[in-house]
Protein backbone atom coordinates (compact mmCIF):
# COMPACT_ATOMS: atom_id res chain seq x y z
CA UNK A 1 5.86 -273.24 -57.34
CA UNK A 2 7.19 -269.98 -58.77
CA UNK A 3 8.45 -267.39 -56.75
CA UNK A 4 5.47 -265.50 -57.46
CA UNK A 5 3.04 -267.87 -56.13
CA UNK A 6 4.99 -268.40 -53.08
CA UNK A 7 5.12 -264.75 -52.35
CA UNK A 8 1.42 -264.79 -52.45
CA UNK A 9 0.98 -267.43 -50.34
CA UNK A 10 3.13 -265.67 -47.73
CA UNK A 11 0.95 -262.55 -48.03
CA UNK A 12 -2.34 -264.51 -47.80
CA UNK A 13 -0.38 -266.67 -44.50
CA UNK A 14 0.26 -262.86 -42.88
CA UNK A 15 -2.88 -261.27 -43.83
CA UNK A 16 -4.79 -264.67 -41.73
CA UNK A 17 -2.43 -264.29 -39.12
CA UNK A 18 -3.15 -260.44 -38.87
CA UNK A 19 -6.66 -260.96 -39.21
CA UNK A 20 -6.41 -263.98 -36.32
CA UNK A 21 -4.40 -261.34 -34.19
CA UNK A 22 -7.12 -258.48 -34.90
CA UNK A 23 -9.68 -261.11 -33.92
CA UNK A 24 -7.63 -262.26 -30.94
CA UNK A 25 -7.06 -258.76 -29.83
CA UNK A 26 -10.64 -257.80 -29.77
CA UNK A 27 -11.57 -260.55 -28.19
CA UNK A 28 -9.46 -260.20 -25.36
CA UNK A 29 -10.22 -256.84 -25.22
CA UNK A 30 -13.90 -257.78 -24.75
CA UNK A 31 -13.07 -260.31 -22.16
CA UNK A 32 -11.19 -257.02 -20.25
CA UNK A 33 -14.02 -255.01 -20.73
CA UNK A 34 -16.32 -257.74 -19.57
CA UNK A 35 -14.21 -258.35 -16.70
CA UNK A 36 -13.61 -254.99 -15.93
CA UNK A 37 -17.46 -254.65 -16.12
CA UNK A 38 -18.17 -257.50 -13.85
CA UNK A 39 -15.46 -256.41 -11.40
CA UNK A 40 -17.19 -252.97 -10.95
CA UNK A 41 -20.56 -254.39 -10.90
CA UNK A 42 -19.20 -257.03 -8.34
CA UNK A 43 -17.48 -253.82 -6.71
CA UNK A 44 -20.64 -251.85 -6.31
CA UNK A 45 -22.87 -254.80 -5.26
CA UNK A 46 -19.79 -255.55 -2.75
CA UNK A 47 -20.41 -251.79 -1.40
CA UNK A 48 -24.08 -251.83 -1.25
CA UNK A 49 -23.84 -254.94 0.38
CA UNK A 50 -21.37 -253.41 3.14
CA UNK A 51 -23.89 -250.59 3.51
CA UNK A 52 -26.76 -253.15 3.91
CA UNK A 53 -25.05 -254.68 6.38
CA UNK A 54 -24.05 -251.63 8.52
CA UNK A 55 -27.85 -250.76 8.26
CA UNK A 56 -28.93 -253.76 9.48
CA UNK A 57 -26.28 -253.66 12.34
CA UNK A 58 -27.25 -250.16 13.07
CA UNK A 59 -30.41 -251.02 13.19
CA UNK A 60 -29.85 -254.14 14.99
CA UNK A 61 -28.03 -252.27 17.57
CA UNK A 62 -31.00 -249.41 18.03
CA UNK A 63 -33.50 -252.19 18.50
CA UNK A 64 -30.95 -253.84 21.01
CA UNK A 65 -30.53 -250.26 22.43
CA UNK A 66 -34.45 -249.58 22.70
CA UNK A 67 -34.93 -253.09 24.02
CA UNK A 68 -32.29 -252.28 26.94
CA UNK A 69 -33.92 -249.17 27.58
CA UNK A 70 -37.49 -250.73 27.39
CA UNK A 71 -35.95 -253.27 29.67
CA UNK A 72 -34.79 -250.66 32.09
CA UNK A 73 -38.01 -248.97 31.75
CA UNK A 74 -40.15 -251.82 32.77
CA UNK A 75 -37.98 -252.49 35.38
CA UNK A 76 -37.89 -249.10 36.82
CA UNK A 77 -41.45 -249.17 36.52
CA UNK A 78 -42.24 -252.64 38.49
CA UNK A 79 -39.46 -250.61 41.66
CA UNK A 80 -41.86 -247.75 41.38
CA UNK A 81 -45.02 -249.90 41.62
CA UNK A 82 -43.41 -251.60 44.30
CA UNK A 83 -42.55 -248.98 46.15
CA UNK A 84 -46.21 -247.16 45.70
CA UNK A 85 -47.69 -250.69 46.92
CA UNK A 86 -45.32 -250.58 49.93
CA UNK A 87 -46.43 -247.00 50.60
CA UNK A 88 -50.05 -247.86 50.06
CA UNK A 89 -49.75 -250.55 52.35
CA UNK A 90 -47.49 -249.34 55.25
CA UNK A 91 -48.99 -245.55 55.00
CA UNK A 92 -49.88 -243.95 58.21
CA UNK A 93 -52.63 -241.72 56.45
CA UNK A 94 -55.56 -243.58 55.30
CA UNK A 95 -56.06 -244.02 51.72
CA UNK A 96 -58.98 -244.86 49.45
CA UNK A 97 -59.27 -245.40 45.38
CA UNK A 98 -62.70 -245.35 43.86
CA UNK A 99 -63.19 -245.89 40.40
CA UNK A 100 -65.06 -243.81 37.39
CA UNK A 101 -68.51 -244.15 39.49
CA UNK A 102 -66.66 -243.29 42.45
CA UNK A 103 -67.07 -246.80 43.82
CA UNK A 104 -64.38 -247.98 46.29
CA UNK A 105 -61.67 -250.57 44.56
CA UNK A 106 -59.23 -250.28 47.16
CA UNK A 107 -58.38 -249.15 50.63
CA UNK A 108 -54.76 -249.63 52.65
CA UNK A 109 -54.73 -251.18 56.29
CA UNK A 110 -54.71 -247.67 57.73
CA UNK A 111 -58.35 -246.80 56.38
CA UNK A 112 -59.14 -249.82 58.24
CA UNK A 113 -57.26 -248.78 61.44
CA UNK A 114 -58.68 -244.87 61.33
CA UNK A 115 -62.49 -245.99 60.51
CA UNK A 116 -62.69 -249.43 61.57
CA UNK A 117 -64.28 -250.72 58.08
CA UNK A 118 -62.76 -253.75 56.83
CA UNK A 119 -61.99 -253.45 52.61
CA UNK A 120 -64.88 -256.32 52.26
CA UNK A 121 -67.13 -254.03 54.16
CA UNK A 122 -66.35 -251.13 52.02
CA UNK A 123 -65.28 -252.54 48.47
CA UNK A 124 -67.91 -251.35 45.84
CA UNK A 125 -69.82 -248.99 48.36
CA UNK A 126 -69.71 -245.21 47.82
CA UNK A 127 -67.58 -243.01 50.34
CA UNK A 128 -70.36 -241.32 51.35
CA UNK A 129 -71.47 -244.32 53.65
CA UNK A 130 -68.79 -242.49 56.06
CA UNK A 131 -70.82 -239.02 56.04
CA UNK A 132 -71.28 -237.28 59.37
CA UNK A 133 -74.36 -234.67 58.56
CA UNK A 134 -72.32 -232.10 59.62
CA UNK A 135 -72.16 -230.94 56.04
CA UNK A 136 -74.95 -229.54 54.08
CA UNK A 137 -75.17 -230.04 50.42
CA UNK A 138 -73.52 -226.74 49.61
CA UNK A 139 -69.93 -227.81 51.15
CA UNK A 140 -70.20 -231.32 48.76
CA UNK A 141 -71.23 -228.97 45.65
CA UNK A 142 -68.28 -226.74 46.41
CA UNK A 143 -66.10 -229.88 46.61
CA UNK A 144 -67.14 -231.80 43.77
CA UNK A 145 -67.26 -228.52 41.63
CA UNK A 146 -63.37 -227.69 42.87
CA UNK A 147 -62.05 -231.53 42.03
CA UNK A 148 -63.85 -231.16 38.45
CA UNK A 149 -62.45 -228.17 37.94
CA UNK A 150 -58.72 -228.16 39.48
CA UNK A 151 -58.39 -232.06 39.52
CA UNK A 152 -57.82 -231.96 43.03
CA UNK A 153 -59.48 -230.76 46.20
CA UNK A 154 -58.04 -230.58 50.12
CA UNK A 155 -59.94 -229.35 53.25
CA UNK A 156 -61.23 -230.37 56.67
CA UNK A 157 -64.08 -232.46 56.67
CA UNK A 158 -66.09 -234.33 59.21
CA UNK A 159 -66.70 -238.47 58.94
CA UNK A 160 -68.89 -240.87 60.88
CA UNK A 161 -66.78 -243.79 61.83
CA UNK A 162 -68.10 -247.52 61.89
CA UNK A 163 -68.26 -247.00 65.90
CA UNK A 164 -70.49 -243.88 65.37
CA UNK A 165 -67.60 -241.61 66.42
CA UNK A 166 -67.34 -238.26 64.16
CA UNK A 167 -64.15 -237.26 63.88
CA UNK A 168 -62.34 -234.29 61.81
CA UNK A 169 -60.36 -235.34 59.11
CA UNK A 170 -57.76 -233.53 56.71
CA UNK A 171 -58.54 -234.93 53.17
CA UNK A 172 -57.02 -234.75 50.07
CA UNK A 173 -58.66 -236.07 46.65
CA UNK A 174 -56.86 -236.26 43.39
CA UNK A 175 -58.81 -236.91 40.07
CA UNK A 176 -56.64 -239.60 38.05
CA UNK A 177 -57.00 -240.27 34.45
CA UNK A 178 -55.93 -243.89 32.50
CA UNK A 179 -55.07 -243.66 28.90
CA UNK A 180 -58.90 -243.79 27.77
CA UNK A 181 -59.60 -240.58 29.92
CA UNK A 182 -61.52 -242.51 32.47
CA UNK A 183 -61.33 -240.93 35.75
CA UNK A 184 -60.70 -242.79 39.55
CA UNK A 185 -60.34 -240.56 42.44
CA UNK A 186 -57.43 -241.03 44.99
CA UNK A 187 -58.36 -239.99 48.79
CA UNK A 188 -55.80 -239.88 51.29
CA UNK A 189 -56.67 -238.38 54.52
CA UNK A 190 -55.92 -238.43 58.53
CA UNK A 191 -57.96 -237.84 61.45
CA UNK A 192 -57.02 -234.45 62.88
CA UNK A 193 -59.43 -234.61 65.87
CA UNK A 194 -57.01 -234.65 68.80
CA UNK A 195 -54.94 -231.37 67.11
CA UNK A 196 -58.65 -229.57 66.22
CA UNK A 197 -59.29 -230.33 70.19
CA UNK A 198 -55.98 -229.14 71.40
CA UNK A 199 -56.36 -225.79 69.26
CA UNK A 200 -59.77 -225.20 70.14
CA UNK A 201 -58.27 -225.82 74.30
CA UNK A 202 -55.59 -223.46 73.72
CA UNK A 203 -58.24 -220.96 72.03
CA UNK A 204 -60.62 -221.47 74.94
CA UNK A 205 -57.60 -220.92 77.60
CA UNK A 206 -56.93 -217.67 75.64
CA UNK A 207 -60.01 -215.94 75.46
CA UNK A 208 -61.47 -217.64 78.66
CA UNK A 209 -60.73 -217.25 82.55
CA UNK A 210 -58.95 -220.36 84.03
CA UNK A 211 -61.11 -220.26 87.42
CA UNK A 212 -64.48 -219.59 86.20
CA UNK A 213 -64.03 -220.93 82.57
CA UNK A 214 -66.41 -217.56 81.85
CA UNK A 215 -65.23 -214.91 78.79
CA UNK A 216 -62.15 -212.97 80.27
CA UNK A 217 -61.83 -209.18 79.83
CA UNK A 218 -60.47 -209.67 75.95
CA UNK A 219 -63.24 -211.79 74.39
CA UNK A 220 -65.97 -209.47 76.68
CA UNK A 221 -64.75 -206.45 74.67
CA UNK A 222 -65.02 -208.19 71.54
CA UNK A 223 -68.79 -209.35 72.27
CA UNK A 224 -69.39 -206.22 73.44
CA UNK A 225 -68.39 -204.67 70.39
CA UNK A 226 -70.29 -207.16 68.46
CA UNK A 227 -73.30 -206.37 70.42
CA UNK A 228 -73.03 -202.79 69.37
CA UNK A 229 -72.62 -203.33 66.07
CA UNK A 230 -75.57 -205.64 65.46
CA UNK A 231 -77.67 -203.40 67.71
CA UNK A 232 -76.77 -200.34 65.55
CA UNK A 233 -77.42 -202.21 62.26
CA UNK A 234 -80.42 -203.79 62.86
CA UNK A 235 -81.94 -201.15 65.42
CA UNK A 236 -82.05 -203.16 68.52
CA UNK A 237 -81.31 -202.48 72.12
CA UNK A 238 -79.09 -204.26 74.90
CA UNK A 239 -77.78 -203.84 78.49
CA UNK A 240 -74.22 -203.71 79.87
CA UNK A 241 -74.42 -204.88 83.48
CA UNK A 242 -71.28 -204.64 85.78
CA UNK A 243 -70.97 -206.87 89.34
CA UNK A 244 -68.71 -206.42 92.16
CA UNK A 245 -69.19 -208.91 94.91
CA UNK A 246 -69.15 -207.45 98.39
CA UNK A 247 -66.98 -208.79 101.02
CA UNK A 248 -65.29 -210.96 98.88
CA UNK A 249 -61.79 -210.16 100.68
CA UNK A 250 -63.10 -210.82 104.13
CA UNK A 251 -63.80 -214.55 102.78
CA UNK A 252 -60.33 -214.82 101.43
CA UNK A 253 -58.91 -213.84 105.14
CA UNK A 254 -60.78 -215.96 107.01
CA UNK A 255 -61.38 -218.86 104.85
CA UNK A 256 -58.58 -219.10 102.62
CA UNK A 257 -57.86 -218.41 98.50
CA UNK A 258 -58.82 -222.06 98.18
CA UNK A 259 -62.20 -220.80 99.57
CA UNK A 260 -62.13 -217.53 97.76
CA UNK A 261 -61.87 -219.39 94.09
CA UNK A 262 -64.62 -221.87 95.01
CA UNK A 263 -66.74 -219.20 95.94
CA UNK A 264 -65.68 -217.07 92.72
CA UNK A 265 -67.02 -220.50 90.23
CA UNK A 266 -70.23 -220.72 92.72
CA UNK A 267 -71.00 -216.90 91.85
CA UNK A 268 -70.06 -217.41 88.12
CA UNK A 269 -72.48 -220.30 87.99
CA UNK A 270 -75.46 -218.43 89.45
CA UNK A 271 -74.81 -215.28 87.50
CA UNK A 272 -74.93 -217.68 84.42
CA UNK A 273 -78.45 -219.18 85.72
CA UNK A 274 -79.80 -215.39 85.59
CA UNK A 275 -79.49 -215.21 81.73
CA UNK A 276 -80.01 -217.07 78.13
CA UNK A 277 -77.96 -218.82 76.76
CA UNK A 278 -77.57 -215.77 73.87
CA UNK A 279 -76.24 -213.64 76.69
CA UNK A 280 -72.42 -213.18 77.84
CA UNK A 281 -71.58 -213.24 81.26
CA UNK A 282 -67.60 -212.69 81.76
CA UNK A 283 -65.14 -212.24 84.45
CA UNK A 284 -63.17 -209.12 84.12
CA UNK A 285 -60.92 -210.03 87.03
CA UNK A 286 -60.72 -210.43 90.67
CA UNK A 287 -64.48 -210.32 91.97
CA UNK A 288 -65.60 -208.48 89.07
CA UNK A 289 -68.21 -209.74 86.55
CA UNK A 290 -70.11 -208.21 83.68
CA UNK A 291 -73.24 -209.47 81.69
CA UNK A 292 -74.15 -208.54 77.99
CA UNK A 293 -77.97 -208.76 77.39
CA UNK A 294 -78.66 -208.81 74.01
CA UNK A 295 -81.74 -208.29 71.92
CA UNK A 296 -83.61 -207.01 74.85
CA UNK A 297 -87.42 -205.96 74.00
CA UNK A 298 -87.99 -203.83 76.95
CA UNK A 299 -85.31 -201.86 79.35
CA UNK A 300 -87.49 -203.65 82.50
CA UNK A 301 -85.57 -207.34 81.39
CA UNK A 302 -82.33 -205.45 82.48
CA UNK A 303 -83.69 -204.63 86.07
CA UNK A 304 -85.12 -208.37 85.96
CA UNK A 305 -81.73 -209.73 85.76
CA UNK A 306 -80.33 -207.43 88.05
CA UNK A 307 -82.64 -208.22 90.79
CA UNK A 308 -82.20 -212.06 90.23
CA UNK A 309 -78.53 -211.48 90.42
CA UNK A 310 -78.51 -209.63 93.65
CA UNK A 311 -80.61 -212.20 95.09
CA UNK A 312 -78.62 -215.02 94.31
CA UNK A 313 -75.38 -213.82 94.99
CA UNK A 314 -76.86 -213.34 98.56
CA UNK A 315 -77.67 -216.89 99.32
CA UNK A 316 -75.05 -218.56 101.52
CA UNK A 317 -72.01 -220.39 99.93
CA UNK A 318 -71.22 -223.89 101.31
CA UNK A 319 -67.65 -224.00 100.64
CA UNK A 320 -64.99 -226.76 101.77
CA UNK A 321 -63.75 -224.71 104.50
CA UNK A 322 -67.17 -223.41 105.78
CA UNK A 323 -70.21 -221.17 104.65
CA UNK A 324 -69.76 -217.92 103.47
CA UNK A 325 -72.13 -214.84 103.22
CA UNK A 326 -71.57 -212.29 100.79
CA UNK A 327 -73.31 -209.79 98.37
CA UNK A 328 -73.37 -207.92 95.22
CA UNK A 329 -73.89 -205.08 93.63
CA UNK A 330 -75.03 -204.34 89.88
CA UNK A 331 -74.57 -201.06 87.38
CA UNK A 332 -76.36 -200.90 84.51
CA UNK A 333 -76.07 -199.00 81.28
CA UNK A 334 -78.58 -199.45 78.11
CA UNK A 335 -77.71 -198.89 74.75
CA UNK A 336 -78.22 -196.51 73.09
CA UNK A 337 -79.42 -193.98 75.76
CA UNK A 338 -76.38 -194.52 77.96
CA UNK A 339 -73.88 -194.89 75.33
CA UNK A 340 -73.16 -195.65 71.75
CA UNK A 341 -69.55 -196.72 72.28
CA UNK A 342 -68.12 -199.40 74.42
CA UNK A 343 -65.99 -197.08 76.56
CA UNK A 344 -69.03 -194.87 77.03
CA UNK A 345 -71.19 -197.68 78.12
CA UNK A 346 -68.39 -199.03 80.24
CA UNK A 347 -68.03 -195.81 81.79
CA UNK A 348 -71.66 -195.05 82.54
CA UNK A 349 -72.01 -198.79 83.95
CA UNK A 350 -69.25 -198.50 86.28
CA UNK A 351 -70.80 -195.37 87.54
CA UNK A 352 -74.12 -196.90 88.24
CA UNK A 353 -71.75 -199.72 89.73
CA UNK A 354 -70.35 -197.16 92.00
CA UNK A 355 -73.55 -195.73 92.97
CA UNK A 356 -75.02 -199.16 94.23
CA UNK A 357 -72.14 -199.43 96.37
CA UNK A 358 -72.72 -195.93 98.04
CA UNK A 359 -76.16 -196.60 98.14
CA UNK A 360 -75.64 -199.34 101.01
CA UNK A 361 -74.55 -202.29 98.69
CA UNK A 362 -76.41 -205.75 97.90
CA UNK A 363 -78.47 -203.58 95.31
CA UNK A 364 -78.17 -202.21 91.68
CA UNK A 365 -78.56 -199.15 89.98
CA UNK A 366 -79.49 -197.65 86.42
CA UNK A 367 -77.09 -195.11 84.97
CA UNK A 368 -79.32 -191.65 84.67
CA UNK A 369 -77.37 -188.50 83.06
CA UNK A 370 -78.72 -185.22 84.26
CA UNK A 371 -80.96 -183.80 81.57
CA UNK A 372 -80.04 -180.13 82.28
CA UNK A 373 -76.42 -180.37 82.00
CA UNK A 374 -75.12 -183.56 80.35
CA UNK A 375 -71.30 -182.53 80.70
CA UNK A 376 -71.90 -182.79 84.69
CA UNK A 377 -71.43 -185.77 86.99
CA UNK A 378 -74.38 -188.00 86.62
CA UNK A 379 -77.15 -188.67 88.73
CA UNK A 380 -77.90 -192.04 89.50
CA UNK A 381 -81.00 -193.66 90.93
């Protein structure tokens, strides 16, 4: 082989080698690029997986926290229901629950203790079974109007219990709606009859004489003003009578103060028997009494009552310590001819009473002013 040929083959071999090297370089470059792309894709996938894992982990944690809160809320709700049920069963106040149709669905033991009705006797019935008859339709219309408008009502009510007793209650009613908007009613009440009786007794003692139980001076003055106002408004006449017992001090001195008290009670009863229930008999103090004769049709009615009072007071008093004999004097003032105000009527009736005493006691006098000079002392007949 010549040198030229050998040289040519060398160039061919070198060219092939270079081509092979170039192909190998291209191959590995492509492998490198593929590997880098796959690595990048793998990294991105890994990142997305990590994000997904983190999101799922966070979601699971939130769900676990929500579940824990729900468990705690449910436990709290169960505890609240248990407490509420304990309160319902052990409350001293009567509790009644009604459905949307206002029929009883549940009562507590205090309801039975107070009303006498067992749960079986009232279940499914309307609470109106307790109505006493003391309240008119207007009372219940106002109650239901407030309940529907405000969602609650509270006030005093009289109800009849199983044994027939009519008792005063303080009742609170609330309207409760469920998720569907259906309303139930929750009523809570307790018996206030004893409290009202105590309050009424205190009011009675404050305005009545402790011995005779007649209205005292304060209540008498109130009723006198009421009589004046009504007479002025409706153009009516009435009479004021002042009564004083004669020789009452002698009874105290001879028979004792206990006998004197008995006599005052008996005298008060005799005076009450002389008048109507609409009239007022009061003890002003000591042996002084007063009568307000309301809505008279004629002035002669006052004289008739005065005559009966004088006659009854003059009858014997059979007391534990013995028999007592007294009499009484009555002074009369007529509205409006003898006065239009309470102080003027009292003053003129007192003047008439004084004239009765001066006239020999055991009698009555009507106030009669002098027509020629109203400022001078009254002339009494």
